[in-house]
Amino acid sequence: MSLPTRQIGGHKAAINNPRISDEAKEHSRQAIEELERQPQTQEVREGYEEDKDETRVNAGYKATLKNPNVSQEAKDRAQEILEERGAM
């Protein structure tokens, strides 16, 4: 079984596909509603948001390392944080 969020994505694609019948689009709308109500869907989304936030923070620290307008002290601190996080 695929993740509920991927199933939702497939149904959304079907809804926006002009070659899909209105009946099939309605089925996809109902399926999305049902999948949205499942606790597993919310758990997957929450985990994704946490991972995404961590990825963005790490990307900011990595950008700090390459930015010529940032002090060496800030670069050293960014390096330390990335190493602590296991991102380097």
PDB file of N, CA and C in Angstrom:
ATOM      1  N   MET A   1       0.847  -1.189   0.000  1.00  0.00           N
ATOM      2  CA  MET A   1       0.000   0.000   0.000  1.00  0.00           C
ATOM      3  C   MET A   1       0.888   1.246   0.000  1.00  0.00           C
ATOM      4  N   SER A   2       0.551   2.179  -0.829  1.00  0.00           N
ATOM      5  CA  SER A   2       1.349   3.399  -0.883  1.00  0.00           C
ATOM      6  C   SER A   2       0.901   4.365   0.216  1.00  0.00           C
ATOM      7  N   LEU A   3       1.715   5.351   0.455  1.00  0.00           N
ATOM      8  CA  LEU A   3       1.385   6.342   1.468  1.00  0.00           C
ATOM      9  C   LEU A   3       0.125   7.092   1.081  1.00  0.00           C
ATOM     10  N   PRO A   4      -0.693   7.442   2.076  1.00  0.00           N
ATOM     11  CA  PRO A   4      -1.935   8.162   1.770  1.00  0.00           C
ATOM     12  C   PRO A   4      -1.696   9.462   1.017  1.00  0.00           C
ATOM     13  N   THR A   5      -0.603  10.139   1.313  1.00  0.00           N
ATOM     14  CA  THR A   5      -0.347  11.402   0.630  1.00  0.00           C
ATOM     15  C   THR A   5      -0.060  11.189  -0.854  1.00  0.00           C
ATOM     16  N   ARG A   6       0.529  10.052  -1.198  1.00  0.00           N
ATOM     17  CA  ARG A   6       0.768   9.744  -2.615  1.00  0.00           C
ATOM     18  C   ARG A   6      -0.542   9.363  -3.305  1.00  0.00           C
ATOM     19  N   GLN A   7      -1.389   8.663  -2.575  1.00  0.00           N
ATOM     20  CA  GLN A   7      -2.702   8.324  -3.140  1.00  0.00           C
ATOM     21  C   GLN A   7      -3.493   9.600  -3.401  1.00  0.00           C
ATOM     22  N   ILE A   8      -3.430  10.527  -2.457  1.00  0.00           N
ATOM     23  CA  ILE A   8      -4.124  11.804  -2.631  1.00  0.00           C
ATOM     24  C   ILE A   8      -3.578  12.524  -3.858  1.00  0.00           C
ATOM     25  N   GLY A   9      -2.273  12.513  -4.021  1.00  0.00           N
ATOM     26  CA  GLY A   9      -1.661  13.154  -5.186  1.00  0.00           C
ATOM     27  C   GLY A   9      -2.142  12.555  -6.491  1.00  0.00           C
ATOM     28  N   GLY A  10      -2.291  11.236  -6.520  1.00  0.00           N
ATOM     29  CA  GLY A  10      -2.808  10.578  -7.723  1.00  0.00           C
ATOM     30  C   GLY A  10      -4.241  10.981  -8.021  1.00  0.00           C
ATOM     31  N   HIS A  11      -5.034  11.069  -6.971  1.00  0.00           N
ATOM     32  CA  HIS A  11      -6.428  11.486  -7.165  1.00  0.00           C
ATOM     33  C   HIS A  11      -6.512  12.946  -7.615  1.00  0.00           C
ATOM     34  N   LYS A  12      -5.649  13.793  -7.073  1.00  0.00           N
ATOM     35  CA  LYS A  12      -5.647  15.196  -7.502  1.00  0.00           C
ATOM     36  C   LYS A  12      -5.252  15.306  -8.970  1.00  0.00           C
ATOM     37  N   ALA A  13      -4.306  14.477  -9.390  1.00  0.00           N
ATOM     38  CA  ALA A  13      -3.912  14.478 -10.800  1.00  0.00           C
ATOM     39  C   ALA A  13      -5.085  14.049 -11.680  1.00  0.00           C
ATOM     40  N   ALA A  14      -5.834  13.057 -11.223  1.00  0.00           N
ATOM     41  CA  ALA A  14      -6.996  12.591 -11.988  1.00  0.00           C
ATOM     42  C   ALA A  14      -8.043  13.691 -12.121  1.00  0.00           C
ATOM     43  N   ILE A  15      -8.271  14.421 -11.040  1.00  0.00           N
ATOM     44  CA  ILE A  15      -9.264  15.506 -11.058  1.00  0.00           C
ATOM     45  C   ILE A  15      -8.875  16.576 -12.076  1.00  0.00           C
ATOM     46  N   ASN A  16      -7.594  16.824 -12.227  1.00  0.00           N
ATOM     47  CA  ASN A  16      -7.126  17.881 -13.136  1.00  0.00           C
ATOM     48  C   ASN A  16      -6.833  17.392 -14.544  1.00  0.00           C
ATOM     49  N   ASN A  17      -7.059  16.117 -14.797  1.00  0.00           N
ATOM     50  CA  ASN A  17      -6.799  15.550 -16.120  1.00  0.00           C
ATOM     51  C   ASN A  17      -8.042  15.706 -16.993  1.00  0.00           C
ATOM     52  N   PRO A  18      -7.953  16.437 -18.101  1.00  0.00           N
ATOM     53  CA  PRO A  18      -9.135  16.656 -18.944  1.00  0.00           C
ATOM     54  C   PRO A  18      -9.642  15.377 -19.626  1.00  0.00           C
ATOM     55  N   ARG A  19      -8.845  14.322 -19.653  1.00  0.00           N
ATOM     56  CA  ARG A  19      -9.273  13.080 -20.305  1.00  0.00           C
ATOM     57  C   ARG A  19     -10.021  12.137 -19.366  1.00  0.00           C
ATOM     58  N   ILE A  20     -10.141  12.528 -18.104  1.00  0.00           N
ATOM     59  CA  ILE A  20     -10.825  11.698 -17.116  1.00  0.00           C
ATOM     60  C   ILE A  20     -12.300  12.094 -17.067  1.00  0.00           C
ATOM     61  N   SER A  21     -13.169  11.092 -16.969  1.00  0.00           N
ATOM     62  CA  SER A  21     -14.607  11.354 -16.955  1.00  0.00           C
ATOM     63  C   SER A  21     -15.012  12.077 -15.671  1.00  0.00           C
ATOM     64  N   ASP A  22     -16.164  12.758 -15.729  1.00  0.00           N
ATOM     65  CA  ASP A  22     -16.686  13.444 -14.549  1.00  0.00           C
ATOM     66  C   ASP A  22     -16.971  12.448 -13.430  1.00  0.00           C
ATOM     67  N   GLU A  23     -17.417  11.266 -13.791  1.00  0.00           N
ATOM     68  CA  GLU A  23     -17.698  10.235 -12.794  1.00  0.00           C
ATOM     69  C   GLU A  23     -16.415   9.821 -12.057  1.00  0.00           C
ATOM     70  N   ALA A  24     -15.351   9.644 -12.809  1.00  0.00           N
ATOM     71  CA  ALA A  24     -14.067   9.270 -12.204  1.00  0.00           C
ATOM     72  C   ALA A  24     -13.525  10.411 -11.341  1.00  0.00           C
ATOM     73  N   LYS A  25     -13.731  11.643 -11.783  1.00  0.00           N
ATOM     74  CA  LYS A  25     -13.279  12.790 -10.996  1.00  0.00           C
ATOM     75  C   LYS A  25     -14.030  12.864  -9.672  1.00  0.00           C
ATOM     76  N   GLU A  26     -15.324  12.588  -9.707  1.00  0.00           N
ATOM     77  CA  GLU A  26     -16.121  12.598  -8.478  1.00  0.00           C
ATOM     78  C   GLU A  26     -15.643  11.493  -7.534  1.00  0.00           C
ATOM     79  N   HIS A  27     -15.329  10.339  -8.088  1.00  0.00           N
ATOM     80  CA  HIS A  27     -14.793   9.251  -7.267  1.00  0.00           C
ATOM     81  C   HIS A  27     -13.493   9.698  -6.597  1.00  0.00           C
ATOM     82  N   SER A  28     -12.637  10.381  -7.339  1.00  0.00           N
ATOM     83  CA  SER A  28     -11.368  10.852  -6.781  1.00  0.00           C
ATOM     84  C   SER A  28     -11.595  11.882  -5.681  1.00  0.00           C
ATOM     85  N   ARG A  29     -12.570  12.757  -5.859  1.00  0.00           N
ATOM     86  CA  ARG A  29     -12.884  13.747  -4.814  1.00  0.00           C
ATOM     87  C   ARG A  29     -13.307  13.040  -3.525  1.00  0.00           C
ATOM     88  N   GLN A  30     -14.149  12.031  -3.652  1.00  0.00           N
ATOM     89  CA  GLN A  30     -14.608  11.283  -2.485  1.00  0.00           C
ATOM     90  C   GLN A  30     -13.450  10.530  -1.830  1.00  0.00           C
ATOM     91  N   ALA A  31     -12.596   9.956  -2.644  1.00  0.00           N
ATOM     92  CA  ALA A  31     -11.450   9.222  -2.116  1.00  0.00           C
ATOM     93  C   ALA A  31     -10.518  10.163  -1.348  1.00  0.00           C
ATOM     94  N   ILE A  32     -10.315  11.369  -1.868  1.00  0.00           N
ATOM     95  CA  ILE A  32      -9.471  12.356  -1.185  1.00  0.00           C
ATOM     96  C   ILE A  32     -10.069  12.695   0.177  1.00  0.00           C
ATOM     97  N   GLU A  33     -11.363  12.929   0.213  1.00  0.00           N
ATOM     98  CA  GLU A  33     -12.019  13.249   1.485  1.00  0.00           C
ATOM     99  C   GLU A  33     -11.810  12.129   2.501  1.00  0.00           C
ATOM    100  N   GLU A  34     -11.957  10.899   2.050  1.00  0.00           N
ATOM    101  CA  GLU A  34     -11.790   9.753   2.945  1.00  0.00           C
ATOM    102  C   GLU A  34     -10.337   9.634   3.423  1.00  0.00           C
ATOM    103  N   LEU A  35      -9.412   9.786   2.500  1.00  0.00           N
ATOM    104  CA  LEU A  35      -7.991   9.692   2.864  1.00  0.00           C
ATOM    105  C   LEU A  35      -7.578  10.816   3.812  1.00  0.00           C
ATOM    106  N   GLU A  36      -8.122  12.006   3.623  1.00  0.00           N
ATOM    107  CA  GLU A  36      -7.792  13.154   4.480  1.00  0.00           C
ATOM    108  C   GLU A  36      -8.212  12.904   5.919  1.00  0.00           C
ATOM    109  N   ARG A  37      -9.265  12.136   6.113  1.00  0.00           N
ATOM    110  CA  ARG A  37      -9.770  11.858   7.461  1.00  0.00           C
ATOM    111  C   ARG A  37      -8.942  10.811   8.200  1.00  0.00           C
ATOM    112  N   GLN A  38      -8.142  10.051   7.509  1.00  0.00           N
ATOM    113  CA  GLN A  38      -7.376   8.982   8.143  1.00  0.00           C
ATOM    114  C   GLN A  38      -6.252   9.554   9.004  1.00  0.00           C
ATOM    115  N   PRO A  39      -6.097   9.023  10.237  1.00  0.00           N
ATOM    116  CA  PRO A  39      -5.018   9.505  11.107  1.00  0.00           C
ATOM    117  C   PRO A  39      -3.627   9.310  10.497  1.00  0.00           C
ATOM    118  N   GLN A  40      -3.459   8.253   9.722  1.00  0.00           N
ATOM    119  CA  GLN A  40      -2.149   7.984   9.115  1.00  0.00           C
ATOM    120  C   GLN A  40      -1.743   9.125   8.182  1.00  0.00           C
ATOM    121  N   THR A  41      -2.712   9.705   7.491  1.00  0.00           N
ATOM    122  CA  THR A  41      -2.407  10.815   6.585  1.00  0.00           C
ATOM    123  C   THR A  41      -1.833  11.989   7.362  1.00  0.00           C
ATOM    124  N   GLN A  42      -2.438  12.306   8.495  1.00  0.00           N
ATOM    125  CA  GLN A  42      -1.960  13.422   9.304  1.00  0.00           C
ATOM    126  C   GLN A  42      -0.574  13.131   9.879  1.00  0.00           C
ATOM    127  N   GLU A  43      -0.325  11.879  10.296  1.00  0.00           N
ATOM    128  CA  GLU A  43       0.982  11.513  10.826  1.00  0.00           C
ATOM    129  C   GLU A  43       2.065  11.673   9.764  1.00  0.00           C
ATOM    130  N   VAL A  44       1.761  11.241   8.548  1.00  0.00           N
ATOM    131  CA  VAL A  44       2.730  11.360   7.453  1.00  0.00           C
ATOM    132  C   VAL A  44       3.030  12.827   7.182  1.00  0.00           C
ATOM    133  N   ARG A  45       1.991  13.646   7.161  1.00  0.00           N
ATOM    134  CA  ARG A  45       2.194  15.076   6.891  1.00  0.00           C
ATOM    135  C   ARG A  45       2.995  15.748   7.987  1.00  0.00           C
ATOM    136  N   GLU A  46       2.704  15.418   9.248  1.00  0.00           N
ATOM    137  CA  GLU A  46       3.445  16.021  10.352  1.00  0.00           C
ATOM    138  C   GLU A  46       4.914  15.641  10.277  1.00  0.00           C
ATOM    139  N   GLY A  47       5.208  14.373  10.001  1.00  0.00           N
ATOM    140  CA  GLY A  47       6.593  13.933   9.870  1.00  0.00           C
ATOM    141  C   GLY A  47       7.294  14.628   8.729  1.00  0.00           C
ATOM    142  N   TYR A  48       6.581  14.819   7.632  1.00  0.00           N
ATOM    143  CA  TYR A  48       7.154  15.508   6.474  1.00  0.00           C
ATOM    144  C   TYR A  48       7.486  16.956   6.815  1.00  0.00           C
ATOM    145  N   GLU A  49       6.580  17.620   7.511  1.00  0.00           N
ATOM    146  CA  GLU A  49       6.819  19.015   7.878  1.00  0.00           C
ATOM    147  C   GLU A  49       8.042  19.143   8.773  1.00  0.00           C
ATOM    148  N   GLU A  50       8.185  18.225   9.744  1.00  0.00           N
ATOM    149  CA  GLU A  50       9.352  18.275  10.625  1.00  0.00           C
ATOM    150  C   GLU A  50      10.636  18.078   9.829  1.00  0.00           C
ATOM    151  N   ASP A  51      10.651  17.091   8.926  1.00  0.00           N
ATOM    152  CA  ASP A  51      11.832  16.835   8.111  1.00  0.00           C
ATOM    153  C   ASP A  51      12.145  18.017   7.206  1.00  0.00           C
ATOM    154  N   LYS A  52      11.092  18.588   6.634  1.00  0.00           N
ATOM    155  CA  LYS A  52      11.267  19.709   5.715  1.00  0.00           C
ATOM    156  C   LYS A  52      11.858  20.906   6.459  1.00  0.00           C
ATOM    157  N   ASP A  53      11.365  21.174   7.659  1.00  0.00           N
ATOM    158  CA  ASP A  53      11.884  22.293   8.433  1.00  0.00           C
ATOM    159  C   ASP A  53      13.348  22.091   8.764  1.00  0.00           C
ATOM    160  N   GLU A  54      13.722  20.888   9.184  1.00  0.00           N
ATOM    161  CA  GLU A  54      15.120  20.606   9.514  1.00  0.00           C
ATOM    162  C   GLU A  54      16.005  20.766   8.282  1.00  0.00           C
ATOM    163  N   THR A  55      15.511  20.312   7.142  1.00  0.00           N
ATOM    164  CA  THR A  55      16.260  20.434   5.898  1.00  0.00           C
ATOM    165  C   THR A  55      16.493  21.895   5.557  1.00  0.00           C
ATOM    166  N   ARG A  56      15.477  22.723   5.733  1.00  0.00           N
ATOM    167  CA  ARG A  56      15.619  24.149   5.421  1.00  0.00           C
ATOM    168  C   ARG A  56      16.592  24.840   6.366  1.00  0.00           C
ATOM    169  N   VAL A  57      16.528  24.479   7.656  1.00  0.00           N
ATOM    170  CA  VAL A  57      17.459  25.070   8.620  1.00  0.00           C
ATOM    171  C   VAL A  57      18.885  24.688   8.262  1.00  0.00           C
ATOM    172  N   ASN A  58      19.101  23.411   7.965  1.00  0.00           N
ATOM    173  CA  ASN A  58      20.444  22.967   7.580  1.00  0.00           C
ATOM    174  C   ASN A  58      20.915  23.683   6.324  1.00  0.00           C
ATOM    175  N   ALA A  59      20.014  23.884   5.379  1.00  0.00           N
ATOM    176  CA  ALA A  59      20.384  24.594   4.146  1.00  0.00           C
ATOM    177  C   ALA A  59      20.814  26.022   4.456  1.00  0.00           C
ATOM    178  N   GLY A  60      20.165  26.648   5.420  1.00  0.00           N
ATOM    179  CA  GLY A  60      20.556  28.001   5.822  1.00  0.00           C
ATOM    180  C   GLY A  60      21.955  28.041   6.404  1.00  0.00           C
ATOM    181  N   TYR A  61      22.258  27.056   7.243  1.00  0.00           N
ATOM    182  CA  TYR A  61      23.613  26.990   7.814  1.00  0.00           C
ATOM    183  C   TYR A  61      24.647  26.729   6.724  1.00  0.00           C
ATOM    184  N   LYS A  62      24.317  25.877   5.776  1.00  0.00           N
ATOM    185  CA  LYS A  62      25.251  25.604   4.677  1.00  0.00           C
ATOM    186  C   LYS A  62      25.463  26.849   3.823  1.00  0.00           C
ATOM    187  N   ALA A  63      24.414  27.628   3.631  1.00  0.00           N
ATOM    188  CA  ALA A  63      24.548  28.875   2.874  1.00  0.00           C
ATOM    189  C   ALA A  63      25.456  29.846   3.621  1.00  0.00           C
ATOM    190  N   THR A  64      25.361  29.839   4.947  1.00  0.00           N
ATOM    191  CA  THR A  64      26.219  30.692   5.770  1.00  0.00           C
ATOM    192  C   THR A  64      27.693  30.393   5.502  1.00  0.00           C
ATOM    193  N   LEU A  65      28.007  29.112   5.348  1.00  0.00           N
ATOM    194  CA  LEU A  65      29.401  28.722   5.119  1.00  0.00           C
ATOM    195  C   LEU A  65      29.959  29.282   3.824  1.00  0.00           C
ATOM    196  N   LYS A  66      29.112  29.501   2.834  1.00  0.00           N
ATOM    197  CA  LYS A  66      29.573  29.945   1.511  1.00  0.00           C
ATOM    198  C   LYS A  66      29.403  31.442   1.269  1.00  0.00           C
ATOM    199  N   ASN A  67      28.753  32.115   2.211  1.00  0.00           N
ATOM    200  CA  ASN A  67      28.460  33.529   2.025  1.00  0.00           C
ATOM    201  C   ASN A  67      29.680  34.378   2.377  1.00  0.00           C
ATOM    202  N   PRO A  68      30.225  35.139   1.410  1.00  0.00           N
ATOM    203  CA  PRO A  68      31.420  35.953   1.688  1.00  0.00           C
ATOM    204  C   PRO A  68      31.134  37.130   2.630  1.00  0.00           C
ATOM    205  N   ASN A  69      29.876  37.468   2.847  1.00  0.00           N
ATOM    206  CA  ASN A  69      29.517  38.594   3.706  1.00  0.00           C
ATOM    207  C   ASN A  69      29.312  38.191   5.167  1.00  0.00           C
ATOM    208  N   VAL A  70      29.586  36.935   5.499  1.00  0.00           N
ATOM    209  CA  VAL A  70      29.388  36.425   6.854  1.00  0.00           C
ATOM    210  C   VAL A  70      30.748  36.306   7.532  1.00  0.00           C
ATOM    211  N   SER A  71      30.796  36.659   8.813  1.00  0.00           N
ATOM    212  CA  SER A  71      32.059  36.600   9.553  1.00  0.00           C
ATOM    213  C   SER A  71      32.537  35.158   9.709  1.00  0.00           C
ATOM    214  N   GLN A  72      33.820  35.018   9.939  1.00  0.00           N
ATOM    215  CA  GLN A  72      34.396  33.693  10.148  1.00  0.00           C
ATOM    216  C   GLN A  72      33.817  33.057  11.407  1.00  0.00           C
ATOM    217  N   GLU A  73      33.555  33.873  12.415  1.00  0.00           N
ATOM    218  CA  GLU A  73      32.962  33.364  13.657  1.00  0.00           C
ATOM    219  C   GLU A  73      31.594  32.718  13.385  1.00  0.00           C
ATOM    220  N   ALA A  74      30.773  33.378  12.574  1.00  0.00           N
ATOM    221  CA  ALA A  74      29.455  32.833  12.226  1.00  0.00           C
ATOM    222  C   ALA A  74      29.594  31.557  11.398  1.00  0.00           C
ATOM    223  N   LYS A  75      30.569  31.535  10.501  1.00  0.00           N
ATOM    224  CA  LYS A  75      30.814  30.340   9.690  1.00  0.00           C
ATOM    225  C   LYS A  75      31.257  29.169  10.566  1.00  0.00           C
ATOM    226  N   ASP A  76      32.130  29.448  11.538  1.00  0.00           N
ATOM    227  CA  ASP A  76      32.583  28.392  12.442  1.00  0.00           C
ATOM    228  C   ASP A  76      31.420  27.829  13.253  1.00  0.00           C
ATOM    229  N   ARG A  77      30.554  28.702  13.719  1.00  0.00           N
ATOM    230  CA  ARG A  77      29.389  28.265  14.493  1.00  0.00           C
ATOM    231  C   ARG A  77      28.443  27.441  13.624  1.00  0.00           C
ATOM    232  N   ALA A  78      28.216  27.870  12.400  1.00  0.00           N
ATOM    233  CA  ALA A  78      27.362  27.122  11.472  1.00  0.00           C
ATOM    234  C   ALA A  78      27.948  25.742  11.211  1.00  0.00           C
ATOM    235  N   GLN A  79      29.247  25.676  11.052  1.00  0.00           N
ATOM    236  CA  GLN A  79      29.933  24.397  10.839  1.00  0.00           C
ATOM    237  C   GLN A  79      29.727  23.474  12.036  1.00  0.00           C
ATOM    238  N   GLU A  80      29.872  24.015  13.250  1.00  0.00           N
ATOM    239  CA  GLU A  80      29.678  23.221  14.470  1.00  0.00           C
ATOM    240  C   GLU A  80      28.254  22.649  14.534  1.00  0.00           C
ATOM    241  N   ILE A  81      27.290  23.496  14.254  1.00  0.00           N
ATOM    242  CA  ILE A  81      25.892  23.061  14.320  1.00  0.00           C
ATOM    243  C   ILE A  81      25.617  21.971  13.303  1.00  0.00           C
ATOM    244  N   LEU A  82      26.115  22.148  12.094  1.00  0.00           N
ATOM    245  CA  LEU A  82      25.906  21.124  11.068  1.00  0.00           C
ATOM    246  C   LEU A  82      26.548  19.798  11.443  1.00  0.00           C
ATOM    247  N   GLU A  83      27.719  19.880  12.043  1.00  0.00           N
ATOM    248  CA  GLU A  83      28.386  18.647  12.470  1.00  0.00           C
ATOM    249  C   GLU A  83      27.609  17.969  13.603  1.00  0.00           C
ATOM    250  N   GLU A  84      27.087  18.768  14.540  1.00  0.00           N
ATOM    251  CA  GLU A  84      26.277  18.209  15.637  1.00  0.00           C
ATOM    252  C   GLU A  84      25.025  17.522  15.102  1.00  0.00           C
ATOM    253  N   ARG A  85      24.443  18.067  14.068  1.00  0.00           N
ATOM    254  CA  ARG A  85      23.230  17.515  13.468  1.00  0.00           C
ATOM    255  C   ARG A  85      23.520  16.341  12.536  1.00  0.00           C
ATOM    256  N   GLY A  86      24.786  16.111  12.253  1.00  0.00           N
ATOM    257  CA  GLY A  86      25.140  15.052  11.323  1.00  0.00           C
ATOM    258  C   GLY A  86      24.834  15.416   9.887  1.00  0.00           C
ATOM    259  N   ALA A  87      24.799  16.704   9.613  1.00  0.00           N
ATOM    260  CA  ALA A  87      24.462  17.186   8.272  1.00  0.00           C
ATOM    261  C   ALA A  87      25.704  17.492   7.433  1.00  0.00           C
ATOM    262  N   MET A  88      26.863  17.259   7.978  1.00  0.00           N
ATOM    263  CA  MET A  88      28.111  17.509   7.238  1.00  0.00           C
ATOM    264  C   MET A  88      28.941  16.258   7.221  1.00  0.00           C
TER     265      MET A  88
END
